[in-house]
Amino acid sequence: MKLEKGFFIKWAIFMLILLAFLPGFQGKRVEIASYSGVIESIDKDFKFIVVSGTKFLIFSDTKIVDQKGSMLKASDLKLKTFVAIEGVPIPDGLYAKKIMIQKKP
């Protein structure tokens, strides 16, 4: 009986500690925003582009697509091309999660 009571008390304390710290373990919600405009500048190594005065960082997992959804390469990005970008704020700027090359509206 003492063993069961001791186990229950330890379990209850563990659950209280877990509940106290659980909100700190929840992931932050990432807000994805949409941007569009003309590419004004492209880094020579395709690490970033500037669209409508805003710098977008390009990483290896950035998806670059055309309007049909076909995958493209960073080298397909050209100056004065109209793009729509799904961007996520990060400490260094805006991370371009997806870049879609479009025809001018």
N, C-alpha and C. Protein backbone atom coordinates (compact mmCIF):
# COMPACT_ATOMS: atom_id res chain seq x y z
N MET A 1 0.81 -1.19 0.00
CA MET A 1 0.00 0.00 0.00
C MET A 1 0.86 1.26 0.00
N LYS A 2 1.96 1.25 0.80
CA LYS A 2 2.84 2.40 0.83
C LYS A 2 3.48 2.64 -0.54
N LEU A 3 3.81 1.56 -1.23
CA LEU A 3 4.42 1.66 -2.55
C LEU A 3 3.47 2.34 -3.53
N GLU A 4 2.21 1.98 -3.52
CA GLU A 4 1.22 2.60 -4.41
C GLU A 4 1.03 4.07 -4.08
N LYS A 5 0.99 4.41 -2.79
CA LYS A 5 0.81 5.81 -2.38
C LYS A 5 2.03 6.65 -2.81
N GLY A 6 3.22 6.11 -2.62
CA GLY A 6 4.44 6.82 -3.02
C GLY A 6 4.50 7.03 -4.53
N PHE A 7 4.12 6.00 -5.28
CA PHE A 7 4.08 6.12 -6.74
C PHE A 7 3.08 7.19 -7.19
N PHE A 8 1.91 7.19 -6.56
CA PHE A 8 0.88 8.17 -6.91
C PHE A 8 1.36 9.60 -6.63
N ILE A 9 2.00 9.81 -5.51
CA ILE A 9 2.49 11.15 -5.16
C ILE A 9 3.56 11.59 -6.15
N LYS A 10 4.49 10.71 -6.48
CA LYS A 10 5.52 11.06 -7.47
C LYS A 10 4.91 11.36 -8.83
N TRP A 11 3.93 10.55 -9.22
CA TRP A 11 3.25 10.75 -10.50
C TRP A 11 2.52 12.09 -10.52
N ALA A 12 1.84 12.44 -9.44
CA ALA A 12 1.11 13.71 -9.35
C ALA A 12 2.06 14.90 -9.42
N ILE A 13 3.19 14.81 -8.75
CA ILE A 13 4.18 15.90 -8.79
C ILE A 13 4.75 16.04 -10.20
N PHE A 14 5.05 14.91 -10.83
CA PHE A 14 5.56 14.94 -12.20
C PHE A 14 4.56 15.62 -13.13
N MET A 15 3.27 15.26 -13.01
CA MET A 15 2.23 15.84 -13.87
C MET A 15 2.09 17.35 -13.63
N LEU A 16 2.18 17.78 -12.39
CA LEU A 16 2.09 19.22 -12.09
C LEU A 16 3.27 19.98 -12.70
N ILE A 17 4.45 19.41 -12.60
CA ILE A 17 5.63 20.04 -13.21
C ILE A 17 5.49 20.09 -14.72
N LEU A 18 5.04 19.00 -15.30
CA LEU A 18 4.84 18.95 -16.75
C LEU A 18 3.83 20.00 -17.21
N LEU A 19 2.72 20.11 -16.51
CA LEU A 19 1.71 21.11 -16.87
C LEU A 19 2.21 22.53 -16.69
N ALA A 20 3.08 22.75 -15.71
CA ALA A 20 3.62 24.08 -15.47
C ALA A 20 4.54 24.52 -16.61
N PHE A 21 5.30 23.57 -17.16
CA PHE A 21 6.27 23.91 -18.20
C PHE A 21 5.79 23.64 -19.61
N LEU A 22 4.66 22.98 -19.79
CA LEU A 22 4.16 22.63 -21.11
C LEU A 22 3.97 23.82 -22.03
N PRO A 23 3.42 24.96 -21.57
CA PRO A 23 3.26 26.09 -22.49
C PRO A 23 4.58 26.56 -23.10
N GLY A 24 5.69 26.39 -22.40
CA GLY A 24 6.99 26.77 -22.92
C GLY A 24 7.49 25.86 -24.02
N PHE A 25 6.96 24.65 -24.12
CA PHE A 25 7.39 23.70 -25.12
C PHE A 25 6.58 23.76 -26.40
N GLN A 26 5.51 24.51 -26.38
CA GLN A 26 4.68 24.61 -27.58
C GLN A 26 5.40 25.43 -28.63
N GLY A 27 5.28 25.01 -29.88
CA GLY A 27 5.94 25.72 -30.97
C GLY A 27 5.27 27.05 -31.24
N LYS A 28 6.06 27.98 -31.73
CA LYS A 28 5.51 29.28 -32.10
C LYS A 28 4.79 29.15 -33.43
N ARG A 29 3.75 29.89 -33.56
CA ARG A 29 3.00 29.90 -34.80
C ARG A 29 3.73 30.78 -35.82
N VAL A 30 3.95 30.25 -36.99
CA VAL A 30 4.66 30.99 -38.02
C VAL A 30 3.64 31.60 -38.97
N GLU A 31 3.71 32.89 -39.11
CA GLU A 31 2.80 33.59 -40.00
C GLU A 31 3.44 33.73 -41.37
N ILE A 32 2.79 33.18 -42.38
CA ILE A 32 3.27 33.30 -43.75
C ILE A 32 2.52 34.45 -44.40
N ALA A 33 3.26 35.37 -44.97
CA ALA A 33 2.64 36.51 -45.64
C ALA A 33 2.95 36.44 -47.13
N SER A 34 2.06 37.02 -47.92
CA SER A 34 2.25 37.04 -49.38
C SER A 34 2.75 38.40 -49.82
N TYR A 35 3.69 38.37 -50.71
CA TYR A 35 4.28 39.58 -51.29
C TYR A 35 4.31 39.40 -52.80
N SER A 36 4.29 40.50 -53.51
CA SER A 36 4.44 40.41 -54.96
C SER A 36 5.09 41.69 -55.46
N GLY A 37 5.72 41.57 -56.61
CA GLY A 37 6.38 42.71 -57.22
C GLY A 37 7.40 42.26 -58.23
N VAL A 38 8.21 43.19 -58.65
CA VAL A 38 9.22 42.96 -59.67
C VAL A 38 10.58 42.78 -59.00
N ILE A 39 11.34 41.80 -59.48
CA ILE A 39 12.69 41.58 -58.95
C ILE A 39 13.57 42.76 -59.36
N GLU A 40 14.09 43.46 -58.35
CA GLU A 40 14.93 44.62 -58.59
C GLU A 40 16.41 44.29 -58.55
N SER A 41 16.75 43.26 -57.76
CA SER A 41 18.15 42.90 -57.58
C SER A 41 18.24 41.41 -57.24
N ILE A 42 19.32 40.79 -57.71
CA ILE A 42 19.57 39.37 -57.43
C ILE A 42 21.01 39.23 -56.99
N ASP A 43 21.22 38.56 -55.86
CA ASP A 43 22.57 38.28 -55.37
C ASP A 43 23.27 37.37 -56.37
N LYS A 44 24.56 37.58 -56.58
CA LYS A 44 25.28 36.77 -57.57
C LYS A 44 25.29 35.28 -57.23
N ASP A 45 25.16 34.94 -55.93
CA ASP A 45 25.13 33.54 -55.51
C ASP A 45 23.70 33.06 -55.25
N PHE A 46 22.72 33.86 -55.62
CA PHE A 46 21.30 33.55 -55.42
C PHE A 46 20.97 33.28 -53.96
N LYS A 47 21.61 34.03 -53.04
CA LYS A 47 21.30 33.90 -51.62
C LYS A 47 20.12 34.79 -51.23
N PHE A 48 19.86 35.81 -52.03
CA PHE A 48 18.71 36.68 -51.78
C PHE A 48 18.31 37.41 -53.05
N ILE A 49 17.07 37.91 -53.04
CA ILE A 49 16.59 38.79 -54.10
C ILE A 49 15.92 39.97 -53.42
N VAL A 50 15.83 41.07 -54.15
CA VAL A 50 15.13 42.26 -53.66
C VAL A 50 13.92 42.47 -54.55
N VAL A 51 12.74 42.50 -53.91
CA VAL A 51 11.49 42.69 -54.62
C VAL A 51 10.76 43.86 -53.97
N SER A 52 10.48 44.88 -54.75
CA SER A 52 9.78 46.07 -54.25
C SER A 52 10.45 46.63 -53.00
N GLY A 53 11.77 46.67 -53.01
CA GLY A 53 12.53 47.25 -51.90
C GLY A 53 12.70 46.34 -50.70
N THR A 54 12.20 45.12 -50.75
CA THR A 54 12.30 44.17 -49.63
C THR A 54 13.24 43.04 -50.00
N LYS A 55 14.14 42.71 -49.08
CA LYS A 55 15.11 41.65 -49.30
C LYS A 55 14.53 40.32 -48.83
N PHE A 56 14.54 39.32 -49.72
CA PHE A 56 14.06 37.97 -49.41
C PHE A 56 15.23 37.01 -49.48
N LEU A 57 15.46 36.29 -48.39
CA LEU A 57 16.55 35.31 -48.34
C LEU A 57 16.11 34.01 -48.99
N ILE A 58 16.99 33.43 -49.77
CA ILE A 58 16.71 32.17 -50.47
C ILE A 58 17.58 31.08 -49.87
N PHE A 59 16.92 30.00 -49.42
CA PHE A 59 17.63 28.86 -48.86
C PHE A 59 17.44 27.65 -49.76
N SER A 60 18.10 26.55 -49.44
CA SER A 60 18.02 25.35 -50.28
C SER A 60 16.61 24.77 -50.34
N ASP A 61 15.79 25.04 -49.34
CA ASP A 61 14.43 24.50 -49.36
C ASP A 61 13.39 25.49 -49.91
N THR A 62 13.85 26.64 -50.41
CA THR A 62 12.94 27.58 -51.05
C THR A 62 12.44 26.97 -52.35
N LYS A 63 11.13 26.94 -52.52
CA LYS A 63 10.55 26.39 -53.75
C LYS A 63 10.40 27.53 -54.76
N ILE A 64 10.92 27.31 -55.96
CA ILE A 64 10.78 28.27 -57.04
C ILE A 64 9.97 27.58 -58.13
N VAL A 65 8.82 28.15 -58.46
CA VAL A 65 7.91 27.50 -59.40
C VAL A 65 7.39 28.52 -60.42
N ASP A 66 6.84 27.98 -61.52
CA ASP A 66 6.15 28.84 -62.47
C ASP A 66 4.65 28.78 -62.13
N GLN A 67 3.82 29.44 -62.93
CA GLN A 67 2.39 29.50 -62.63
C GLN A 67 1.71 28.14 -62.72
N LYS A 68 2.29 27.22 -63.46
CA LYS A 68 1.71 25.89 -63.58
C LYS A 68 2.14 24.97 -62.44
N GLY A 69 3.07 25.44 -61.61
CA GLY A 69 3.56 24.63 -60.49
C GLY A 69 4.81 23.84 -60.79
N SER A 70 5.36 24.01 -61.98
CA SER A 70 6.59 23.29 -62.34
C SER A 70 7.77 23.87 -61.57
N MET A 71 8.59 22.99 -61.05
CA MET A 71 9.76 23.41 -60.27
C MET A 71 10.80 24.05 -61.18
N LEU A 72 11.37 25.15 -60.71
CA LEU A 72 12.42 25.87 -61.43
C LEU A 72 13.65 25.97 -60.54
N LYS A 73 14.72 26.49 -61.10
CA LYS A 73 15.96 26.68 -60.37
C LYS A 73 16.11 28.16 -60.03
N ALA A 74 16.99 28.45 -59.10
CA ALA A 74 17.26 29.85 -58.73
C ALA A 74 17.79 30.62 -59.94
N SER A 75 18.50 29.94 -60.81
CA SER A 75 19.04 30.62 -61.99
C SER A 75 17.95 31.07 -62.95
N ASP A 76 16.71 30.58 -62.76
CA ASP A 76 15.59 31.01 -63.59
C ASP A 76 15.04 32.37 -63.16
N LEU A 77 15.48 32.85 -62.00
CA LEU A 77 15.06 34.18 -61.54
C LEU A 77 15.83 35.23 -62.32
N LYS A 78 15.13 36.16 -62.91
CA LYS A 78 15.75 37.21 -63.74
C LYS A 78 15.27 38.59 -63.26
N LEU A 79 16.12 39.57 -63.49
CA LEU A 79 15.74 40.95 -63.16
C LEU A 79 14.48 41.35 -63.92
N LYS A 80 13.68 42.18 -63.30
CA LYS A 80 12.44 42.74 -63.86
C LYS A 80 11.36 41.69 -64.12
N THR A 81 11.51 40.52 -63.48
CA THR A 81 10.48 39.48 -63.58
C THR A 81 9.49 39.70 -62.45
N PHE A 82 8.20 39.57 -62.74
CA PHE A 82 7.17 39.71 -61.72
C PHE A 82 7.04 38.40 -60.96
N VAL A 83 7.09 38.47 -59.62
CA VAL A 83 7.02 37.27 -58.79
C VAL A 83 6.02 37.47 -57.65
N ALA A 84 5.47 36.36 -57.18
CA ALA A 84 4.67 36.33 -55.96
C ALA A 84 5.45 35.47 -54.97
N ILE A 85 5.59 35.96 -53.75
CA ILE A 85 6.43 35.29 -52.76
C ILE A 85 5.64 35.02 -51.49
N GLU A 86 5.77 33.81 -50.97
CA GLU A 86 5.28 33.49 -49.64
C GLU A 86 6.49 33.63 -48.72
N GLY A 87 6.44 34.61 -47.83
CA GLY A 87 7.58 34.90 -46.97
C GLY A 87 7.26 34.72 -45.50
N VAL A 88 8.31 34.38 -44.76
CA VAL A 88 8.21 34.18 -43.32
C VAL A 88 9.26 35.06 -42.65
N PRO A 89 8.85 35.89 -41.69
CA PRO A 89 9.84 36.70 -40.98
C PRO A 89 10.78 35.82 -40.16
N ILE A 90 12.07 36.08 -40.28
CA ILE A 90 13.09 35.42 -39.47
C ILE A 90 14.00 36.52 -38.94
N PRO A 91 14.86 36.22 -37.98
CA PRO A 91 15.71 37.28 -37.41
C PRO A 91 16.56 38.04 -38.44
N ASP A 92 16.97 37.37 -39.52
CA ASP A 92 17.84 38.01 -40.51
C ASP A 92 17.08 38.76 -41.60
N GLY A 93 15.76 38.66 -41.62
CA GLY A 93 14.98 39.32 -42.67
C GLY A 93 13.74 38.53 -42.99
N LEU A 94 13.47 38.36 -44.27
CA LEU A 94 12.32 37.58 -44.72
C LEU A 94 12.81 36.36 -45.48
N TYR A 95 12.37 35.20 -45.04
CA TYR A 95 12.72 33.94 -45.68
C TYR A 95 11.70 33.66 -46.78
N ALA A 96 12.16 33.50 -48.00
CA ALA A 96 11.28 33.20 -49.13
C ALA A 96 11.00 31.71 -49.12
N LYS A 97 9.83 31.35 -48.64
CA LYS A 97 9.44 29.94 -48.58
C LYS A 97 9.08 29.43 -49.97
N LYS A 98 8.40 30.27 -50.75
CA LYS A 98 8.01 29.89 -52.11
C LYS A 98 8.03 31.13 -52.99
N ILE A 99 8.62 30.99 -54.17
CA ILE A 99 8.67 32.09 -55.14
C ILE A 99 7.99 31.58 -56.41
N MET A 100 6.97 32.30 -56.84
CA MET A 100 6.27 31.92 -58.07
C MET A 100 6.50 32.99 -59.11
N ILE A 101 7.11 32.58 -60.23
CA ILE A 101 7.33 33.50 -61.35
C ILE A 101 6.01 33.65 -62.09
N GLN A 102 5.58 34.89 -62.28
CA GLN A 102 4.29 35.14 -62.91
C GLN A 102 4.42 36.06 -64.11
N LYS A 103 3.37 36.05 -64.88
CA LYS A 103 3.26 37.03 -65.94
C LYS A 103 2.78 38.31 -65.30
N LYS A 104 3.10 39.45 -65.88
CA LYS A 104 2.67 40.71 -65.30
C LYS A 104 1.15 40.75 -65.23
N PRO A 105 0.63 41.29 -64.11
CA PRO A 105 -0.84 41.37 -63.98
C PRO A 105 -1.47 42.34 -64.94
